[in-house]
C-alpha atoms as a PDB file:
ATOM      1  CA  MET A   1       0.048   0.072  -0.009  1.00  0.00           C
ATOM      2  CA  VAL A   2       1.330   3.433  -0.964  1.00  0.00           C
ATOM      3  CA  ARG A   3       1.307   5.874   1.999  1.00  0.00           C
ATOM      4  CA  GLY A   4       2.899   8.963   0.432  1.00  0.00           C
ATOM      5  CA  LEU A   5       5.631  10.072  -1.879  1.00  0.00           C
ATOM      6  CA  ALA A   6       8.298   8.171   0.002  1.00  0.00           C
ATOM      7  CA  ASP A   7       6.547   4.988  -1.007  1.00  0.00           C
ATOM      8  CA  MET A   8       6.238   6.049  -4.720  1.00  0.00           C
ATOM      9  CA  GLY A   9       9.215   8.307  -5.516  1.00  0.00           C
ATOM     10  CA  ALA A  10      12.027   5.717  -5.606  1.00  0.00           C
ATOM     11  CA  GLU A  11      10.449   3.648  -8.296  1.00  0.00           C
ATOM     12  CA  SER A  12      12.720   3.776 -11.327  1.00  0.00           C
ATOM     13  CA  VAL A  13       9.868   3.166 -13.735  1.00  0.00           C
ATOM     14  CA  LEU A  14       8.960   6.881 -13.182  1.00  0.00           C
ATOM     15  CA  LEU A  15      11.961   7.676 -15.364  1.00  0.00           C
ATOM     16  CA  ALA A  16       9.869   6.517 -18.251  1.00  0.00           C
ATOM     17  CA  GLY A  17       8.164   9.828 -18.093  1.00  0.00           C
ATOM     18  CA  ALA A  18      11.335  11.971 -18.222  1.00  0.00           C
ATOM     19  CA  GLY A  19      10.885  13.027 -21.848  1.00  0.00           C
ATOM     20  CA  ARG A  20       7.135  13.861 -21.291  1.00  0.00           C
ATOM     21  CA  ALA A  21       8.003  16.123 -18.341  1.00  0.00           C
ATOM     22  CA  ILE A  22      10.660  17.885 -20.132  1.00  0.00           C
ATOM     23  CA  LEU A  23       8.582  18.588 -23.245  1.00  0.00           C
ATOM     24  CA  LEU A  24       5.733  19.859 -21.011  1.00  0.00           C
ATOM     25  CA  GLN A  25       8.214  22.162 -19.270  1.00  0.00           C
ATOM     26  CA  ILE A  26       9.848  23.745 -22.406  1.00  0.00           C
ATOM     27  CA  ALA A  27       6.420  24.129 -24.148  1.00  0.00           C
ATOM     28  CA  ASN A  28       6.082  27.096 -21.561  1.00  0.00           C
ATOM     29  CA  PRO A  29       8.148  29.865 -23.201  1.00  0.00           C
ATOM     30  CA  ALA A  30       9.238  31.140 -19.877  1.00  0.00           C
ATOM     31  CA  VAL A  31      10.939  27.731 -19.368  1.00  0.00           C
ATOM     32  CA  GLY A  32      11.718  26.754 -22.876  1.00  0.00           C
ATOM     33  CA  HIS A  33      13.479  29.956 -23.936  1.00  0.00           C
ATOM     34  CA  GLY A  34      15.779  29.875 -20.841  1.00  0.00           C
ATOM     35  CA  VAL A  35      16.571  26.204 -21.644  1.00  0.00           C
ATOM     36  CA  ALA A  36      17.387  26.990 -25.212  1.00  0.00           C
ATOM     37  CA  GLU A  37      19.783  29.872 -24.433  1.00  0.00           C
ATOM     38  CA  HIS A  38      21.463  28.495 -21.183  1.00  0.00           C
ATOM     39  CA  SER A  39      21.343  24.763 -21.181  1.00  0.00           C
ATOM     40  CA  ASN A  40      23.176  22.060 -23.014  1.00  0.00           C
ATOM     41  CA  PHE A  41      20.956  19.217 -21.668  1.00  0.00           C
ATOM     42  CA  ALA A  42      20.191  18.107 -25.274  1.00  0.00           C
ATOM     43  CA  GLU A  43      23.907  17.228 -25.574  1.00  0.00           C
ATOM     44  CA  ARG A  44      24.030  15.779 -22.078  1.00  0.00           C
ATOM     45  CA  PRO A  45      20.531  14.521 -21.228  1.00  0.00           C
ATOM     46  CA  LEU A  46      21.623  11.935 -18.697  1.00  0.00           C
ATOM     47  CA  ASP A  47      23.304  14.657 -16.656  1.00  0.00           C
ATOM     48  CA  ARG A  48      20.201  16.828 -16.698  1.00  0.00           C
ATOM     49  CA  LEU A  49      18.075  13.803 -15.730  1.00  0.00           C
ATOM     50  CA  ARG A  50      20.403  12.782 -12.965  1.00  0.00           C
ATOM     51  CA  ALA A  51      20.666  16.324 -11.606  1.00  0.00           C
ATOM     52  CA  THR A  52      16.872  16.665 -11.527  1.00  0.00           C
ATOM     53  CA  MET A  53      16.264  13.359  -9.979  1.00  0.00           C
ATOM     54  CA  THR A  54      19.103  13.751  -7.393  1.00  0.00           C
ATOM     55  CA  TYR A  55      17.446  16.873  -6.215  1.00  0.00           C
ATOM     56  CA  VAL A  56      14.016  15.113  -5.908  1.00  0.00           C
ATOM     57  CA  TYR A  57      15.555  12.149  -4.154  1.00  0.00           C
ATOM     58  CA  ALA A  58      17.560  14.455  -1.818  1.00  0.00           C
ATOM     59  CA  VAL A  59      14.264  16.166  -0.805  1.00  0.00           C
ATOM     60  CA  VAL A  60      12.326  13.069  -0.235  1.00  0.00           C
ATOM     61  CA  TYR A  61      14.976  10.568   1.097  1.00  0.00           C
ATOM     62  CA  GLY A  62      18.119  12.503   1.810  1.00  0.00           C
ATOM     63  CA  THR A  63      19.842  13.714   4.902  1.00  0.00           C
ATOM     64  CA  GLU A  64      19.943  17.355   5.786  1.00  0.00           C
ATOM     65  CA  ASP A  65      23.476  17.681   4.517  1.00  0.00           C
ATOM     66  CA  GLN A  66      22.473  16.044   1.225  1.00  0.00           C
ATOM     67  CA  LEU A  67      19.600  18.443   0.846  1.00  0.00           C
ATOM     68  CA  VAL A  68      21.770  21.532   1.527  1.00  0.00           C
ATOM     69  CA  ALA A  69      24.215  20.249  -0.987  1.00  0.00           C
ATOM     70  CA  VAL A  70      21.852  19.575  -3.772  1.00  0.00           C
ATOM     71  CA  ARG A  71      19.960  22.875  -3.095  1.00  0.00           C
ATOM     72  CA  ARG A  72      23.200  24.734  -3.396  1.00  0.00           C
ATOM     73  CA  SER A  73      23.955  22.939  -6.673  1.00  0.00           C
ATOM     74  CA  VAL A  74      20.629  23.662  -8.245  1.00  0.00           C
ATOM     75  CA  ASN A  75      20.735  27.459  -7.252  1.00  0.00           C
ATOM     76  CA  ARG A  76      24.115  27.633  -8.827  1.00  0.00           C
ATOM     77  CA  ALA A  77      22.983  26.200 -12.018  1.00  0.00           C
ATOM     78  CA  HIS A  78      19.904  28.463 -11.984  1.00  0.00           C
ATOM     79  CA  ALA A  79      21.693  31.656 -11.236  1.00  0.00           C
ATOM     80  CA  PRO A  80      22.695  32.576 -14.947  1.00  0.00           C
ATOM     81  CA  VAL A  81      19.314  31.566 -16.442  1.00  0.00           C
ATOM     82  CA  ARG A  82      17.688  34.904 -16.668  1.00  0.00           C
ATOM     83  CA  ARG A  83      16.951  37.535 -19.234  1.00  0.00           C
ATOM     84  CA  LYS A  84      15.096  40.762 -19.159  1.00  0.00           C
ATOM     85  CA  PRO A  85      12.151  41.294 -21.501  1.00  0.00           C
ATOM     86  CA  ASP A  86      13.005  43.098 -24.695  1.00  0.00           C
ATOM     87  CA  ALA A  87      11.674  43.570 -28.225  1.00  0.00           C
ATOM     88  CA  GLY A  88      12.714  39.944 -29.132  1.00  0.00           C
ATOM     89  CA  SER A  89      12.039  38.123 -25.840  1.00  0.00           C
ATOM     90  CA  ARG A  90       9.346  37.782 -23.182  1.00  0.00           C
ATOM     91  CA  GLY A  91      12.170  37.420 -20.596  1.00  0.00           C
ATOM     92  CA  TYR A  92      12.638  34.589 -18.197  1.00  0.00           C
ATOM     93  CA  SER A  93      14.322  33.673 -14.949  1.00  0.00           C
ATOM     94  CA  ALA A  94      14.967  30.371 -13.460  1.00  0.00           C
ATOM     95  CA  PHE A  95      13.917  31.778 -10.100  1.00  0.00           C
ATOM     96  CA  ASP A  96      10.524  32.917 -11.332  1.00  0.00           C
ATOM     97  CA  ALA A  97       7.962  31.500  -9.078  1.00  0.00           C
ATOM     98  CA  GLN A  98       5.457  30.743 -11.720  1.00  0.00           C
ATOM     99  CA  SER A  99       8.071  28.978 -13.806  1.00  0.00           C
ATOM    100  CA  GLN A 100       9.064  26.865 -10.851  1.00  0.00           C
ATOM    101  CA  LEU A 101       5.389  26.037 -10.144  1.00  0.00           C
ATOM    102  CA  TRP A 102       4.982  24.766 -13.778  1.00  0.00           C
ATOM    103  CA  VAL A 103       8.159  22.624 -13.577  1.00  0.00           C
ATOM    104  CA  LEU A 104       7.036  21.125 -10.247  1.00  0.00           C
ATOM    105  CA  ALA A 105       3.482  20.503 -11.747  1.00  0.00           C
ATOM    106  CA  THR A 106       4.936  18.667 -14.645  1.00  0.00           C
ATOM    107  CA  LEU A 107       7.032  16.428 -12.445  1.00  0.00           C
ATOM    108  CA  TYR A 108       3.972  15.682 -10.216  1.00  0.00           C
ATOM    109  CA  ASP A 109       1.547  15.046 -13.005  1.00  0.00           C
ATOM    110  CA  THR A 110       4.166  12.828 -14.948  1.00  0.00           C
ATOM    111  CA  ALA A 111       4.866  10.759 -11.893  1.00  0.00           C
ATOM    112  CA  ILE A 112       1.253  10.104 -11.149  1.00  0.00           C
ATOM    113  CA  THR A 113       0.482   9.367 -14.739  1.00  0.00           C
ATOM    114  CA  VAL A 114       3.300   6.708 -15.162  1.00  0.00           C
ATOM    115  CA  TYR A 115       2.811   5.334 -11.663  1.00  0.00           C
ATOM    116  CA  GLU A 116      -0.945   4.673 -12.191  1.00  0.00           C
ATOM    117  CA  LYS A 117      -0.270   2.993 -15.621  1.00  0.00           C
ATOM    118  CA  ILE A 118       1.950   0.527 -13.896  1.00  0.00           C
ATOM    119  CA  TYR A 119       0.319   0.004 -10.513  1.00  0.00           C
ATOM    120  CA  GLY A 120      -3.313   1.206 -11.203  1.00  0.00           C
ATOM    121  CA  PRO A 121      -5.229   4.189  -9.672  1.00  0.00           C
ATOM    122  CA  LEU A 122      -4.292   5.453  -6.360  1.00  0.00           C
ATOM    123  CA  ASP A 123      -6.937   5.540  -3.723  1.00  0.00           C
ATOM    124  CA  ASP A 124      -8.024   9.050  -2.544  1.00  0.00           C
ATOM    125  CA  GLU A 125      -6.020   8.921   0.816  1.00  0.00           C
ATOM    126  CA  ALA A 126      -2.803   7.996  -0.900  1.00  0.00           C
ATOM    127  CA  ALA A 127      -3.304  10.325  -3.796  1.00  0.00           C
ATOM    128  CA  ASP A 128      -3.954  13.279  -1.344  1.00  0.00           C
ATOM    129  CA  LEU A 129      -0.927  12.432   0.738  1.00  0.00           C
ATOM    130  CA  ILE A 130       1.335  12.241  -2.284  1.00  0.00           C
ATOM    131  CA  TYR A 131       0.031  15.535  -3.603  1.00  0.00           C
ATOM    132  CA  ARG A 132       0.725  17.323  -0.365  1.00  0.00           C
ATOM    133  CA  ASP A 133       4.199  15.769  -0.252  1.00  0.00           C
ATOM    134  CA  TYR A 134       5.096  17.096  -3.787  1.00  0.00           C
ATOM    135  CA  ALA A 135       4.895  20.603  -2.511  1.00  0.00           C
ATOM    136  CA  ARG A 136       8.059  20.193  -0.519  1.00  0.00           C
ATOM    137  CA  ILE A 137      10.009  19.545  -3.784  1.00  0.00           C
ATOM    138  CA  GLY A 138       9.232  23.107  -4.826  1.00  0.00           C
ATOM    139  CA  THR A 139       9.293  24.800  -1.403  1.00  0.00           C
ATOM    140  CA  ALA A 140      12.815  23.328  -0.698  1.00  0.00           C
ATOM    141  CA  LEU A 141      13.987  25.863  -3.282  1.00  0.00           C
ATOM    142  CA  GLN A 142      12.185  29.212  -3.634  1.00  0.00           C
ATOM    143  CA  LEU A 143       8.598  28.243  -4.424  1.00  0.00           C
ATOM    144  CA  PRO A 144       6.217  29.919  -2.095  1.00  0.00           C
ATOM    145  CA  ALA A 145       4.132  27.305  -0.356  1.00  0.00           C
ATOM    146  CA  GLU A 146       0.955  29.211  -1.051  1.00  0.00           C
ATOM    147  CA  LEU A 147       1.438  28.959  -4.808  1.00  0.00           C
ATOM    148  CA  TRP A 148       0.958  25.122  -4.803  1.00  0.00           C
ATOM    149  CA  PRO A 149      -2.666  24.578  -5.413  1.00  0.00           C
ATOM    150  CA  ALA A 150      -4.532  23.698  -2.204  1.00  0.00           C
ATOM    151  CA  ASP A 151      -5.694  20.254  -3.171  1.00  0.00           C
ATOM    152  CA  ARG A 152      -5.917  17.836  -6.144  1.00  0.00           C
ATOM    153  CA  LYS A 153      -9.194  19.448  -7.354  1.00  0.00           C
ATOM    154  CA  ALA A 154      -7.404  22.891  -7.399  1.00  0.00           C
ATOM    155  CA  PHE A 155      -4.589  21.492  -9.113  1.00  0.00           C
ATOM    156  CA  ALA A 156      -6.698  19.869 -11.831  1.00  0.00           C
ATOM    157  CA  VAL A 157      -8.079  23.449 -12.528  1.00  0.00           C
ATOM    158  CA  TYR A 158      -4.583  24.932 -12.752  1.00  0.00           C
ATOM    159  CA  TRP A 159      -3.363  22.058 -14.890  1.00  0.00           C
ATOM    160  CA  ASP A 160      -6.231  22.058 -17.335  1.00  0.00           C
ATOM    161  CA  GLY A 161      -5.965  25.837 -17.620  1.00  0.00           C
ATOM    162  CA  CYS A 162      -2.248  25.697 -18.406  1.00  0.00           C
ATOM    163  CA  LEU A 163      -2.635  22.852 -20.969  1.00  0.00           C
ATOM    164  CA  GLN A 164      -5.290  24.700 -22.866  1.00  0.00           C
ATOM    165  CA  ALA A 165      -2.914  27.660 -23.344  1.00  0.00           C
ATOM    166  CA  LEU A 166       0.047  25.502 -24.005  1.00  0.00           C
ATOM    167  CA  LYS A 167       1.567  25.368 -27.519  1.00  0.00           C
ATOM    168  CA  ALA A 168       5.128  24.591 -28.453  1.00  0.00           C
ATOM    169  CA  ASP A 169       6.711  27.574 -30.297  1.00  0.00           C
ATOM    170  CA  ASP A 170       9.692  27.229 -32.790  1.00  0.00           C
ATOM    171  CA  VAL A 171      12.161  27.470 -29.958  1.00  0.00           C
ATOM    172  CA  SER A 172      10.576  24.730 -27.956  1.00  0.00           C
ATOM    173  CA  VAL A 173      10.197  22.494 -31.093  1.00  0.00           C
ATOM    174  CA  ARG A 174      13.875  22.932 -31.846  1.00  0.00           C
ATOM    175  CA  VAL A 175      15.056  22.052 -28.230  1.00  0.00           C
ATOM    176  CA  ALA A 176      12.745  18.960 -28.320  1.00  0.00           C
ATOM    177  CA  ARG A 177      14.135  17.797 -31.655  1.00  0.00           C
ATOM    178  CA  GLU A 178      17.733  18.235 -30.416  1.00  0.00           C
ATOM    179  CA  LEU A 179      16.879  16.117 -27.294  1.00  0.00           C
ATOM    180  CA  LEU A 180      14.852  13.413 -29.088  1.00  0.00           C
ATOM    181  CA  HIS A 181      17.023  13.278 -32.145  1.00  0.00           C
ATOM    182  CA  PRO A 182      20.683  14.083 -31.040  1.00  0.00           C
ATOM    183  CA  PRO A 183      22.899  15.152 -34.056  1.00  0.00           C
ATOM    184  CA  ASP A 184      25.829  12.916 -33.098  1.00  0.00           C
ATOM    185  CA  PRO A 185      24.364  10.296 -30.991  1.00  0.00           C
ATOM    186  CA  GLN A 186      26.513   7.909 -28.875  1.00  0.00           C
ATOM    187  CA  LEU A 187      25.835   4.154 -28.900  1.00  0.00           C
ATOM    188  CA  TRP A 188      23.588   4.214 -26.006  1.00  0.00           C
ATOM    189  CA  GLN A 189      21.563   6.961 -27.464  1.00  0.00           C
ATOM    190  CA  ARG A 190      21.049   5.012 -30.728  1.00  0.00           C
ATOM    191  CA  LEU A 191      19.821   2.077 -28.748  1.00  0.00           C
ATOM    192  CA  ALA A 192      17.605   3.864 -26.071  1.00  0.00           C
ATOM    193  CA  MET A 193      16.188   6.915 -28.118  1.00  0.00           C
ATOM    194  CA  PRO A 194      13.674   5.013 -30.127  1.00  0.00           C
ATOM    195  CA  LEU A 195      12.128   3.814 -27.086  1.00  0.00           C
ATOM    196  CA  ALA A 196      12.430   7.200 -25.321  1.00  0.00           C
ATOM    197  CA  ARG A 197      10.676   8.822 -28.288  1.00  0.00           C
ATOM    198  CA  PHE A 198       7.927   6.359 -28.350  1.00  0.00           C
ATOM    199  CA  LEU A 199       7.210   6.617 -24.550  1.00  0.00           C
ATOM    200  CA  THR A 200       7.437  10.406 -24.660  1.00  0.00           C
ATOM    201  CA  ALA A 201       4.878  10.649 -27.573  1.00  0.00           C
ATOM    202  CA  GLY A 202       2.533   8.151 -25.996  1.00  0.00           C
ATOM    203  CA  LEU A 203       2.521   9.752 -22.514  1.00  0.00           C
ATOM    204  CA  LEU A 204       2.100  13.407 -23.838  1.00  0.00           C
ATOM    205  CA  PRO A 205      -1.376  14.994 -23.994  1.00  0.00           C
ATOM    206  CA  ASP A 206      -2.653  14.645 -27.637  1.00  0.00           C
ATOM    207  CA  GLN A 207      -2.604  18.377 -28.463  1.00  0.00           C
ATOM    208  CA  LEU A 208       0.929  18.842 -27.165  1.00  0.00           C
ATOM    209  CA  ARG A 209       2.140  15.734 -29.107  1.00  0.00           C
ATOM    210  CA  ASP A 210       0.716  17.360 -32.280  1.00  0.00           C
ATOM    211  CA  SER A 211       2.178  20.713 -31.341  1.00  0.00           C
ATOM    212  CA  PHE A 212       5.696  19.110 -31.087  1.00  0.00           C
ATOM    213  CA  GLY A 213       5.126  17.360 -34.427  1.00  0.00           C
ATOM    214  CA  LEU A 214       5.711  13.912 -32.989  1.00  0.00           C
ATOM    215  CA  PRO A 215       4.401  11.163 -35.284  1.00  0.00           C
ATOM    216  CA  TRP A 216       1.457   9.129 -33.775  1.00  0.00           C
ATOM    217  CA  SER A 217      -1.204   6.730 -35.309  1.00  0.00           C
ATOM    218  CA  GLU A 218      -3.676   4.226 -34.140  1.00  0.00           C
ATOM    219  CA  ARG A 219      -1.104   1.557 -34.572  1.00  0.00           C
ATOM    220  CA  HIS A 220       1.195   3.483 -32.278  1.00  0.00           C
ATOM    221  CA  GLY A 221      -1.527   3.727 -29.763  1.00  0.00           C
ATOM    222  CA  ARG A 222      -2.197  -0.054 -29.687  1.00  0.00           C
ATOM    223  CA  LEU A 223       1.482  -0.737 -29.379  1.00  0.00           C
ATOM    224  CA  PHE A 224       1.785   1.851 -26.563  1.00  0.00           C
ATOM    225  CA  ASN A 225      -1.127   0.251 -24.615  1.00  0.00           C
ATOM    226  CA  ARG A 226       0.323  -3.211 -25.096  1.00  0.00           C
ATOM    227  CA  THR A 227       3.733  -1.915 -23.724  1.00  0.00           C
ATOM    228  CA  MET A 228       2.097  -0.449 -20.652  1.00  0.00           C
ATOM    229  CA  ARG A 229       0.063  -3.594 -19.962  1.00  0.00           C
ATOM    230  CA  TRP A 230       3.347  -5.719 -20.257  1.00  0.00           C
ATOM    231  CA  SER A 231       5.219  -3.255 -17.994  1.00  0.00           C
ATOM    232  CA  ALA A 232       2.481  -3.413 -15.403  1.00  0.00           C
ATOM    233  CA  ALA A 233       2.695  -7.170 -15.401  1.00  0.00           C
ATOM    234  CA  VAL A 234       6.439  -7.340 -15.143  1.00  0.00           C
ATOM    235  CA  TYR A 235       7.841  -4.290 -13.365  1.00  0.00           C
ATOM    236  CA  PRO A 236       6.103  -4.626  -9.955  1.00  0.00           C
ATOM    237  CA  ARG A 237       7.547  -8.126  -9.648  1.00  0.00           C
ATOM    238  CA  LEU A 238      11.157  -6.996  -9.895  1.00  0.00           C
ATOM    239  CA  PRO A 239      13.203  -6.971  -6.702  1.00  0.00           C
ATOM    240  CA  GLN A 240      12.984  -3.677  -4.765  1.00  0.00           C
ATOM    241  CA  ARG A 241      16.811  -3.186  -5.075  1.00  0.00           C
ATOM    242  CA  VAL A 242      16.196  -3.207  -8.890  1.00  0.00           C
ATOM    243  CA  ARG A 243      13.226  -0.920  -8.755  1.00  0.00           C
ATOM    244  CA  HIS A 244      15.032   1.562  -6.475  1.00  0.00           C
ATOM    245  CA  SER A 245      18.466   1.273  -8.002  1.00  0.00           C
ATOM    246  CA  PHE A 246      18.492   4.747  -9.693  1.00  0.00           C
ATOM    247  CA  LYS A 247      17.515   6.547  -6.468  1.00  0.00           C
ATOM    248  CA  ASN A 248      20.256   4.597  -4.564  1.00  0.00           C
ATOM    249  CA  TYR A 249      22.742   5.364  -7.174  1.00  0.00           C
ATOM    250  CA  CYS A 250      22.046   9.059  -7.218  1.00  0.00           C
ATOM    251  CA  LEU A 251      22.011   9.638  -3.505  1.00  0.00           C
ATOM    252  CA  GLY A 252      25.222   7.562  -3.343  1.00  0.00           C
ATOM    253  CA  GLN A 253      26.975   9.942  -5.772  1.00  0.00           C
ATOM    254  CA  LEU A 254      25.866  13.105  -4.030  1.00  0.00           C
ATOM    255  CA  LYS A 255      28.652  14.881  -2.410  1.00  0.00           C
ATOM    256  CA  THR A 256      27.918  16.922   0.690  1.00  0.00           C
ATOM    257  CA  ALA A 257      31.353  18.546   1.274  1.00  0.00           C
END
């Protein structure tokens, strides 16, 4: 039985939603334009994924020293990501509260989406507890606690409103293409990226998948559903040390000095 984020957050299967979360984030121009001008994550996607997940794991499972270290690292990375509005830019800042809220919202919604495809729907008590726990991931940085919607119903209103207004612009589409189709792929990328592209497209909301120009058909949909059913049959039966291996690796690599 899931009793909160601590029971769910270590599951490595949540990484299947990494591409979905990133594309949702960069579809917001306040995030996407900052990423395009200040990040090389398309060239080093594993570094970006590891940094993000190390932060999440430190908040949920880490010691106080680990949390201090990872918060310092994130703030240092965010410091140069800012630009004042001008004629050619709306402006952005990695410390902008609304941008941080959107990033946290994509992490939460993606984690719930993937988890429920593998383990089935959460009951209301567990879902409410996980939702409240997720606020800590934002407030451990600069997100004001009052910005996190009060409950899951309020979050649904916020989320649906954001999705309706969301449309990938040329900058976001370019960043997504560089991420999903690396120009000079290493061997592991050649092997992993077809599956990553497939899962990303399958997990995205329909309108955003179209906005990014990701190919999809009824055949893709049937294959995606079969993949999720197979994963739901196999993954929960894996030993916990396998299912939690990425969390253990990230925390083990986190230096606190």
